[in-house]
C-alpha atoms as a PDB file:
ATOM      1  CA  MET A   1      53.696 182.889-163.001  1.00  0.00           C
ATOM      2  CA  SER A   2      54.206 186.461-164.219  1.00  0.00           C
ATOM      3  CA  LEU A   3      56.525 189.430-163.698  1.00  0.00           C
ATOM      4  CA  GLU A   4      53.918 190.870-161.332  1.00  0.00           C
ATOM      5  CA  ALA A   5      53.995 187.698-159.266  1.00  0.00           C
ATOM      6  CA  CYS A   6      57.808 187.850-159.152  1.00  0.00           C
ATOM      7  CA  ALA A   7      57.891 191.479-158.022  1.00  0.00           C
ATOM      8  CA  PRO A   8      57.630 190.748-154.252  1.00  0.00           C
ATOM      9  CA  LEU A   9      60.403 188.142-154.574  1.00  0.00           C
ATOM     10  CA  THR A  10      62.861 190.602-156.126  1.00  0.00           C
ATOM     11  CA  ALA A  11      61.784 193.819-154.378  1.00  0.00           C
ATOM     12  CA  THR A  12      64.774 193.904-151.991  1.00  0.00           C
ATOM     13  CA  LEU A  13      67.403 193.189-154.659  1.00  0.00           C
ATOM     14  CA  PRO A  14      69.554 195.886-156.278  1.00  0.00           C
ATOM     15  CA  LEU A  15      67.674 197.508-159.115  1.00  0.00           C
ATOM     16  CA  GLU A  16      70.255 196.494-161.730  1.00  0.00           C
ATOM     17  CA  VAL A  17      69.704 192.735-161.130  1.00  0.00           C
ATOM     18  CA  ARG A  18      65.962 192.620-160.470  1.00  0.00           C
ATOM     19  CA  GLY A  19      65.059 192.074-164.108  1.00  0.00           C
ATOM     20  CA  LYS A  20      67.665 189.311-164.545  1.00  0.00           C
ATOM     21  CA  ILE A  21      66.490 187.468-161.433  1.00  0.00           C
ATOM     22  CA  ALA A  22      62.824 187.839-162.374  1.00  0.00           C
ATOM     23  CA  ASP A  23      63.504 186.435-165.847  1.00  0.00           C
ATOM     24  CA  PHE A  24      65.477 183.610-164.252  1.00  0.00           C
ATOM     25  CA  ILE A  25      62.572 182.735-161.944  1.00  0.00           C
ATOM     26  CA  LEU A  26      60.122 182.748-164.843  1.00  0.00           C
ATOM     27  CA  GLY A  27      62.414 180.520-166.888  1.00  0.00           C
ATOM     28  CA  VAL A  28      62.940 178.036-164.068  1.00  0.00           C
ATOM     29  CA  PHE A  29      59.201 177.882-163.425  1.00  0.00           C
ATOM     30  CA  ALA A  30      58.528 177.202-167.125  1.00  0.00           C
ATOM     31  CA  VAL A  31      61.015 174.302-167.068  1.00  0.00           C
ATOM     32  CA  PHE A  32      59.505 173.059-163.786  1.00  0.00           C
ATOM     33  CA  GLN A  33      56.086 172.801-165.430  1.00  0.00           C
ATOM     34  CA  ASP A  34      57.232 171.552-168.821  1.00  0.00           C
ATOM     35  CA  LEU A  35      59.274 168.672-167.405  1.00  0.00           C
ATOM     36  CA  ASP A  36      56.805 167.843-164.593  1.00  0.00           C
ATOM     37  CA  PHE A  37      59.078 168.425-161.651  1.00  0.00           C
ATOM     38  CA  SER A  38      57.508 167.829-158.277  1.00  0.00           C
ATOM     39  CA  PHE A  39      60.359 169.571-156.440  1.00  0.00           C
ATOM     40  CA  LEU A  40      63.206 171.878-157.500  1.00  0.00           C
ATOM     41  CA  GLU A  41      65.672 173.652-155.199  1.00  0.00           C
ATOM     42  CA  MET A  42      68.663 175.811-156.057  1.00  0.00           C
ATOM     43  CA  ASN A  43      70.620 176.613-152.935  1.00  0.00           C
ATOM     44  CA  PRO A  44      72.750 178.589-153.195  1.00  0.00           C
ATOM     45  CA  PHE A  45      72.982 180.427-156.487  1.00  0.00           C
ATOM     46  CA  THR A  46      75.061 183.442-157.333  1.00  0.00           C
ATOM     47  CA  LEU A  47      75.676 185.849-160.206  1.00  0.00           C
ATOM     48  CA  VAL A  48      78.405 185.243-162.778  1.00  0.00           C
ATOM     49  CA  ASN A  49      78.966 188.190-165.095  1.00  0.00           C
ATOM     50  CA  GLY A  50      75.579 189.474-164.023  1.00  0.00           C
ATOM     51  CA  GLU A  51      73.754 186.208-164.864  1.00  0.00           C
ATOM     52  CA  PRO A  52      72.135 183.904-162.281  1.00  0.00           C
ATOM     53  CA  TYR A  53      74.224 180.761-161.748  1.00  0.00           C
ATOM     54  CA  PRO A  54      73.135 177.831-159.514  1.00  0.00           C
ATOM     55  CA  LEU A  55      75.932 176.453-157.349  1.00  0.00           C
ATOM     56  CA  ASP A  56      73.915 173.499-156.085  1.00  0.00           C
ATOM     57  CA  MET A  57      70.606 172.090-157.222  1.00  0.00           C
ATOM     58  CA  ARG A  58      68.263 169.253-156.348  1.00  0.00           C
ATOM     59  CA  GLY A  59      65.174 168.193-158.285  1.00  0.00           C
ATOM     60  CA  GLU A  60      62.545 165.472-158.206  1.00  0.00           C
ATOM     61  CA  LEU A  61      60.455 164.435-161.207  1.00  0.00           C
ATOM     62  CA  ASP A  62      56.870 163.189-161.094  1.00  0.00           C
ATOM     63  CA  ASP A  63      57.193 159.568-162.254  1.00  0.00           C
ATOM     64  CA  THR A  64      53.519 159.410-163.263  1.00  0.00           C
ATOM     65  CA  ALA A  65      54.325 161.866-166.074  1.00  0.00           C
ATOM     66  CA  ALA A  66      56.758 159.472-167.770  1.00  0.00           C
ATOM     67  CA  PHE A  67      54.205 158.694-170.495  1.00  0.00           C
ATOM     68  CA  LYS A  68      54.572 162.204-171.951  1.00  0.00           C
ATOM     69  CA  ASN A  69      58.122 163.123-170.987  1.00  0.00           C
ATOM     70  CA  PHE A  70      60.183 160.018-171.751  1.00  0.00           C
ATOM     71  CA  LYS A  71      61.805 161.709-174.782  1.00  0.00           C
ATOM     72  CA  LYS A  72      62.598 164.893-172.859  1.00  0.00           C
ATOM     73  CA  TRP A  73      63.857 163.097-169.760  1.00  0.00           C
ATOM     74  CA  GLY A  74      66.051 160.651-171.597  1.00  0.00           C
ATOM     75  CA  ASN A  75      67.326 157.593-169.753  1.00  0.00           C
ATOM     76  CA  ILE A  76      65.907 158.427-166.320  1.00  0.00           C
ATOM     77  CA  GLU A  77      65.502 155.659-163.754  1.00  0.00           C
ATOM     78  CA  PHE A  78      63.465 156.159-160.592  1.00  0.00           C
ATOM     79  CA  PRO A  79      65.011 154.439-157.596  1.00  0.00           C
ATOM     80  CA  LEU A  80      62.946 152.085-155.491  1.00  0.00           C
ATOM     81  CA  PRO A  81      62.770 152.433-151.713  1.00  0.00           C
ATOM     82  CA  PHE A  82      65.807 150.986-149.970  1.00  0.00           C
ATOM     83  CA  GLY A  83      65.708 147.204-149.941  1.00  0.00           C
ATOM     84  CA  ARG A  84      62.839 146.961-152.462  1.00  0.00           C
ATOM     85  CA  PHE A  85      63.215 145.086-155.734  1.00  0.00           C
ATOM     86  CA  LEU A  86      60.738 144.695-158.598  1.00  0.00           C
ATOM     87  CA  SER A  87      59.799 141.190-159.634  1.00  0.00           C
ATOM     88  CA  PRO A  88      59.804 140.447-163.398  1.00  0.00           C
ATOM     89  CA  THR A  89      56.007 140.764-163.388  1.00  0.00           C
ATOM     90  CA  GLU A  90      56.137 144.134-161.619  1.00  0.00           C
ATOM     91  CA  SER A  91      58.764 145.366-164.078  1.00  0.00           C
ATOM     92  CA  PHE A  92      56.541 144.367-166.997  1.00  0.00           C
ATOM     93  CA  ILE A  93      53.507 146.158-165.533  1.00  0.00           C
ATOM     94  CA  HIS A  94      55.647 149.206-164.799  1.00  0.00           C
ATOM     95  CA  SER A  95      56.746 149.336-168.454  1.00  0.00           C
ATOM     96  CA  LEU A  96      53.088 149.233-169.534  1.00  0.00           C
ATOM     97  CA  ASP A  97      52.147 151.897-167.021  1.00  0.00           C
ATOM     98  CA  GLU A  98      54.739 154.323-168.374  1.00  0.00           C
ATOM     99  CA  LYS A  99      53.009 154.346-171.772  1.00  0.00           C
ATOM    100  CA  VAL A 100      49.551 155.253-170.485  1.00  0.00           C
ATOM    101  CA  LYS A 101      48.230 158.454-168.951  1.00  0.00           C
ATOM    102  CA  SER A 102      47.085 156.744-165.790  1.00  0.00           C
ATOM    103  CA  HIS A 103      46.011 158.141-162.469  1.00  0.00           C
ATOM    104  CA  SER A 104      46.943 156.700-159.114  1.00  0.00           C
ATOM    105  CA  LEU A 105      43.612 155.610-157.720  1.00  0.00           C
ATOM    106  CA  TRP A 106      42.699 153.386-154.819  1.00  0.00           C
ATOM    107  CA  TYR A 107      39.702 151.395-155.981  1.00  0.00           C
ATOM    108  CA  SER A 108      36.814 152.116-153.597  1.00  0.00           C
ATOM    109  CA  GLY A 109      35.938 148.419-153.639  1.00  0.00           C
ATOM    110  CA  THR A 110      39.145 147.590-151.789  1.00  0.00           C
ATOM    111  CA  CYS A 111      38.127 149.917-148.962  1.00  0.00           C
ATOM    112  CA  GLN A 112      34.630 148.461-148.989  1.00  0.00           C
ATOM    113  CA  VAL A 113      35.957 144.919-148.788  1.00  0.00           C
ATOM    114  CA  GLY A 114      37.952 146.017-145.767  1.00  0.00           C
ATOM    115  CA  ASP A 115      34.915 147.667-144.213  1.00  0.00           C
ATOM    116  CA  LEU A 116      33.053 144.391-144.634  1.00  0.00           C
ATOM    117  CA  GLY A 117      35.779 142.633-142.643  1.00  0.00           C
ATOM    118  CA  TYR A 118      37.560 140.749-145.428  1.00  0.00           C
ATOM    119  CA  ALA A 119      40.640 142.849-146.206  1.00  0.00           C
ATOM    120  CA  SER A 120      42.848 139.798-145.598  1.00  0.00           C
ATOM    121  CA  GLU A 121      41.048 137.984-148.421  1.00  0.00           C
ATOM    122  CA  LEU A 122      42.095 140.505-151.098  1.00  0.00           C
ATOM    123  CA  GLY A 123      44.423 138.821-153.562  1.00  0.00           C
ATOM    124  CA  ASN A 124      45.347 141.661-155.896  1.00  0.00           C
ATOM    125  CA  TYR A 125      44.325 145.086-157.092  1.00  0.00           C
ATOM    126  CA  ALA A 126      44.907 146.567-160.532  1.00  0.00           C
ATOM    127  CA  GLU A 127      43.837 149.900-162.033  1.00  0.00           C
ATOM    128  CA  TYR A 128      43.713 150.696-165.723  1.00  0.00           C
ATOM    129  CA  SER A 129      42.417 154.245-166.124  1.00  0.00           C
ATOM    130  CA  GLY A 130      43.972 156.635-168.602  1.00  0.00           C
ATOM    131  CA  ALA A 131      42.355 155.307-171.801  1.00  0.00           C
ATOM    132  CA  PRO A 132      44.733 152.406-172.528  1.00  0.00           C
ATOM    133  CA  ASN A 133      44.207 150.630-175.829  1.00  0.00           C
ATOM    134  CA  GLU A 134      42.920 147.083-176.252  1.00  0.00           C
ATOM    135  CA  GLU A 135      46.350 145.483-176.581  1.00  0.00           C
ATOM    136  CA  GLU A 136      47.674 147.190-173.439  1.00  0.00           C
ATOM    137  CA  VAL A 137      44.638 146.068-171.444  1.00  0.00           C
ATOM    138  CA  LEU A 138      45.041 142.513-172.775  1.00  0.00           C
ATOM    139  CA  GLN A 139      48.631 142.314-171.543  1.00  0.00           C
ATOM    140  CA  TYR A 140      47.658 143.881-168.221  1.00  0.00           C
ATOM    141  CA  ALA A 141      44.707 141.522-167.689  1.00  0.00           C
ATOM    142  CA  ARG A 142      46.846 138.464-168.456  1.00  0.00           C
ATOM    143  CA  VAL A 143      49.253 139.364-165.672  1.00  0.00           C
ATOM    144  CA  VAL A 144      46.471 140.119-163.187  1.00  0.00           C
ATOM    145  CA  ILE A 145      44.679 136.817-163.836  1.00  0.00           C
ATOM    146  CA  ASP A 146      47.918 134.842-163.581  1.00  0.00           C
ATOM    147  CA  SER A 147      48.806 136.613-160.338  1.00  0.00           C
ATOM    148  CA  LEU A 148      45.602 135.394-158.683  1.00  0.00           C
ATOM    149  CA  GLN A 149      47.040 131.861-158.422  1.00  0.00           C
ATOM    150  CA  CYS A 150      44.517 130.715-160.993  1.00  0.00           C
ATOM    151  CA  ALA A 151      46.306 127.564-162.084  1.00  0.00           C
ATOM    152  CA  THR A 152      44.819 125.353-159.386  1.00  0.00           C
ATOM    153  CA  ALA A 153      41.956 125.437-156.943  1.00  0.00           C
ATOM    154  CA  ASP A 154      42.517 126.022-153.246  1.00  0.00           C
ATOM    155  CA  PRO A 155      43.110 122.772-151.342  1.00  0.00           C
ATOM    156  CA  ASP A 156      40.045 123.460-149.219  1.00  0.00           C
ATOM    157  CA  GLY A 157      37.858 123.889-152.318  1.00  0.00           C
ATOM    158  CA  SER A 158      37.192 127.591-151.779  1.00  0.00           C
ATOM    159  CA  LYS A 159      35.931 129.766-154.604  1.00  0.00           C
ATOM    160  CA  ARG A 160      37.571 132.937-155.791  1.00  0.00           C
ATOM    161  CA  ALA A 161      35.911 136.132-157.015  1.00  0.00           C
ATOM    162  CA  LEU A 162      37.218 138.460-159.710  1.00  0.00           C
ATOM    163  CA  LEU A 163      35.695 141.948-159.740  1.00  0.00           C
ATOM    164  CA  ILE A 164      36.015 143.878-162.988  1.00  0.00           C
ATOM    165  CA  GLY A 165      34.638 147.334-162.638  1.00  0.00           C
ATOM    166  CA  GLY A 166      34.606 150.683-161.021  1.00  0.00           C
ATOM    167  CA  GLY A 167      32.725 153.958-161.101  1.00  0.00           C
ATOM    168  CA  ILE A 168      31.752 156.100-164.055  1.00  0.00           C
ATOM    169  CA  ALA A 169      34.674 156.370-166.494  1.00  0.00           C
ATOM    170  CA  ASN A 170      35.285 159.893-167.750  1.00  0.00           C
ATOM    171  CA  PHE A 171      37.427 159.416-170.871  1.00  0.00           C
ATOM    172  CA  THR A 172      38.275 155.701-170.865  1.00  0.00           C
ATOM    173  CA  ASP A 173      36.331 153.816-173.550  1.00  0.00           C
ATOM    174  CA  VAL A 174      34.690 150.991-171.592  1.00  0.00           C
ATOM    175  CA  ALA A 175      33.958 148.935-174.725  1.00  0.00           C
ATOM    176  CA  ALA A 176      37.576 149.146-175.946  1.00  0.00           C
ATOM    177  CA  THR A 177      39.109 148.175-172.615  1.00  0.00           C
ATOM    178  CA  PHE A 178      36.595 145.366-172.165  1.00  0.00           C
ATOM    179  CA  ASN A 179      37.718 143.940-175.524  1.00  0.00           C
ATOM    180  CA  GLY A 180      41.171 143.400-174.030  1.00  0.00           C
ATOM    181  CA  ILE A 181      39.783 141.928-170.812  1.00  0.00           C
ATOM    182  CA  ILE A 182      37.467 139.555-172.705  1.00  0.00           C
ATOM    183  CA  ARG A 183      40.381 138.295-174.803  1.00  0.00           C
ATOM    184  CA  ALA A 184      42.356 137.606-171.628  1.00  0.00           C
ATOM    185  CA  LEU A 185      39.414 135.801-170.008  1.00  0.00           C
ATOM    186  CA  ARG A 186      39.039 133.573-173.062  1.00  0.00           C
ATOM    187  CA  GLU A 187      42.762 132.777-173.037  1.00  0.00           C
ATOM    188  CA  LYS A 188      42.758 131.973-169.326  1.00  0.00           C
ATOM    189  CA  GLU A 189      39.431 130.120-169.275  1.00  0.00           C
ATOM    190  CA  SER A 190      40.928 126.803-168.144  1.00  0.00           C
ATOM    191  CA  LYS A 191      42.789 128.468-165.290  1.00  0.00           C
ATOM    192  CA  LEU A 192      39.665 130.334-164.223  1.00  0.00           C
ATOM    193  CA  LYS A 193      37.692 127.083-164.189  1.00  0.00           C
ATOM    194  CA  ALA A 194      40.375 125.228-162.251  1.00  0.00           C
ATOM    195  CA  SER A 195      40.421 127.910-159.568  1.00  0.00           C
ATOM    196  CA  ARG A 196      36.592 128.049-159.305  1.00  0.00           C
ATOM    197  CA  MET A 197      36.523 131.723-160.219  1.00  0.00           C
ATOM    198  CA  HIS A 198      33.258 133.679-160.064  1.00  0.00           C
ATOM    199  CA  ILE A 199      33.394 136.907-162.090  1.00  0.00           C
ATOM    200  CA  PHE A 200      31.470 140.069-161.290  1.00  0.00           C
ATOM    201  CA  VAL A 201      31.422 142.973-163.760  1.00  0.00           C
ATOM    202  CA  ARG A 202      30.167 146.458-162.928  1.00  0.00           C
ATOM    203  CA  ARG A 203      30.907 149.506-165.057  1.00  0.00           C
ATOM    204  CA  GLY A 204      29.579 152.823-166.284  1.00  0.00           C
ATOM    205  CA  GLY A 205      30.912 155.551-168.532  1.00  0.00           C
ATOM    206  CA  HIS A 206      31.742 156.049-172.189  1.00  0.00           C
ATOM    207  CA  ASN A 207      30.343 153.173-174.328  1.00  0.00           C
ATOM    208  CA  TYR A 208      29.544 151.144-171.212  1.00  0.00           C
ATOM    209  CA  GLN A 209      26.382 149.647-172.752  1.00  0.00           C
ATOM    210  CA  THR A 210      28.441 148.140-175.587  1.00  0.00           C
ATOM    211  CA  GLY A 211      31.092 146.898-173.174  1.00  0.00           C
ATOM    212  CA  LEU A 212      28.557 145.271-170.857  1.00  0.00           C
ATOM    213  CA  ALA A 213      26.792 143.651-173.816  1.00  0.00           C
ATOM    214  CA  LYS A 214      30.081 142.074-174.895  1.00  0.00           C
ATOM    215  CA  MET A 215      30.603 140.724-171.389  1.00  0.00           C
ATOM    216  CA  ARG A 216      27.111 139.213-171.389  1.00  0.00           C
ATOM    217  CA  ASP A 217      27.828 137.636-174.772  1.00  0.00           C
ATOM    218  CA  LEU A 218      30.934 136.027-173.278  1.00  0.00           C
ATOM    219  CA  GLY A 219      28.834 134.395-170.550  1.00  0.00           C
ATOM    220  CA  GLU A 220      26.222 133.193-173.048  1.00  0.00           C
ATOM    221  CA  GLU A 221      28.949 131.863-175.330  1.00  0.00           C
ATOM    222  CA  LEU A 222      29.858 129.182-172.795  1.00  0.00           C
ATOM    223  CA  GLU A 223      26.240 128.172-172.407  1.00  0.00           C
ATOM    224  CA  ASP A 224      25.745 127.952-176.185  1.00  0.00           C
ATOM    225  CA  LEU A 225      28.648 125.524-176.388  1.00  0.00           C
ATOM    226  CA  GLY A 226      26.795 123.232-174.041  1.00  0.00           C
ATOM    227  CA  GLU A 227      29.450 123.499-171.352  1.00  0.00           C
ATOM    228  CA  GLU A 228      28.714 123.628-167.686  1.00  0.00           C
ATOM    229  CA  LEU A 229      29.063 127.254-166.660  1.00  0.00           C
ATOM    230  CA  GLU A 230      32.050 126.704-164.388  1.00  0.00           C
ATOM    231  CA  VAL A 231      33.039 130.368-164.518  1.00  0.00           C
ATOM    232  CA  PRO A 232      29.860 132.273-163.602  1.00  0.00           C
ATOM    233  CA  LEU A 233      29.920 135.798-164.997  1.00  0.00           C
ATOM    234  CA  GLU A 234      27.497 138.388-163.647  1.00  0.00           C
ATOM    235  CA  VAL A 235      27.190 141.776-165.345  1.00  0.00           C
ATOM    236  CA  TYR A 236      25.893 145.028-163.837  1.00  0.00           C
ATOM    237  CA  GLY A 237      25.697 148.629-164.984  1.00  0.00           C
ATOM    238  CA  PRO A 238      25.920 151.874-163.009  1.00  0.00           C
ATOM    239  CA  GLU A 239      22.517 151.156-161.471  1.00  0.00           C
ATOM    240  CA  ALA A 240      24.288 148.784-159.072  1.00  0.00           C
ATOM    241  CA  THR A 241      26.537 150.014-156.265  1.00  0.00           C
ATOM    242  CA  MET A 242      30.100 148.824-155.868  1.00  0.00           C
ATOM    243  CA  ILE A 243      29.624 148.062-152.192  1.00  0.00           C
ATOM    244  CA  GLY A 244      26.682 145.883-153.147  1.00  0.00           C
ATOM    245  CA  ILE A 245      28.765 144.021-155.715  1.00  0.00           C
ATOM    246  CA  CYS A 246      31.578 143.564-153.194  1.00  0.00           C
ATOM    247  CA  LYS A 247      29.167 142.134-150.656  1.00  0.00           C
ATOM    248  CA  GLU A 248      27.675 139.795-153.251  1.00  0.00           C
ATOM    249  CA  ALA A 249      31.144 138.563-154.215  1.00  0.00           C
ATOM    250  CA  ILE A 250      32.081 137.947-150.586  1.00  0.00           C
ATOM    251  CA  ASP A 251      28.818 136.120-149.904  1.00  0.00           C
ATOM    252  CA  CYS A 252      29.417 133.974-152.976  1.00  0.00           C
ATOM    253  CA  ILE A 253      32.872 132.783-152.011  1.00  0.00           C
ATOM    254  CA  MET A 254      32.117 132.445-148.303  1.00  0.00           C
ATOM    255  CA  SER A 255      28.982 130.364-148.892  1.00  0.00           C
ATOM    256  CA  ALA A 256      31.027 127.953-150.977  1.00  0.00           C
ATOM    257  CA  ALA A 257      33.852 127.683-148.454  1.00  0.00           C
END
């Protein structure tokens, strides 16, 4: 935004107020960007002693920018849709999400599972982009694993599949986030065994080789202890396709049904 860009907006105004209105527009636009508004309307506004003065105003903030604006915004609460209430688990995840520069993504695997005809079998979806640290991923992974009804096996003896992965990370450190996930998997090992969970890992991006190596070590750790590998853990790099991993996971749980 510049004075040149404002010129057409103020061209029909009296000459003595054009500069004031142009400065006002530039100032409002700067605030709009700085505070991450997604919508801002002043209707109407007038002049008081020659200065622009809004008589009514409505604004909407971008809630995904809370991680960087919480000090500027103060005690802002975003209302839920009418009739919708957050569970304690959802509230906890929401508090984590506000601290991380995340992006609203719809994991391609969920679409692929649907394309393969098993959308009704999806138990949960979680996304952790935005370079969260190890501790944040640990807390996130705990909630996700618990939400998959991992405490007991299905009455019909069906297996479950947990897919940990995605495309090529751009600035998220794969090794660091995998540290948090591995800690959660170790903590929840008994629940994963009880629910007959089969884990598939597929990842690429920054430090992915280190992250995948740590995942492979986790699988070998169970074997070294002489335990039956009741939680199979398969690890793939970017050479594998997500749709292929999704199909393999579906085949695994359906063949055991």
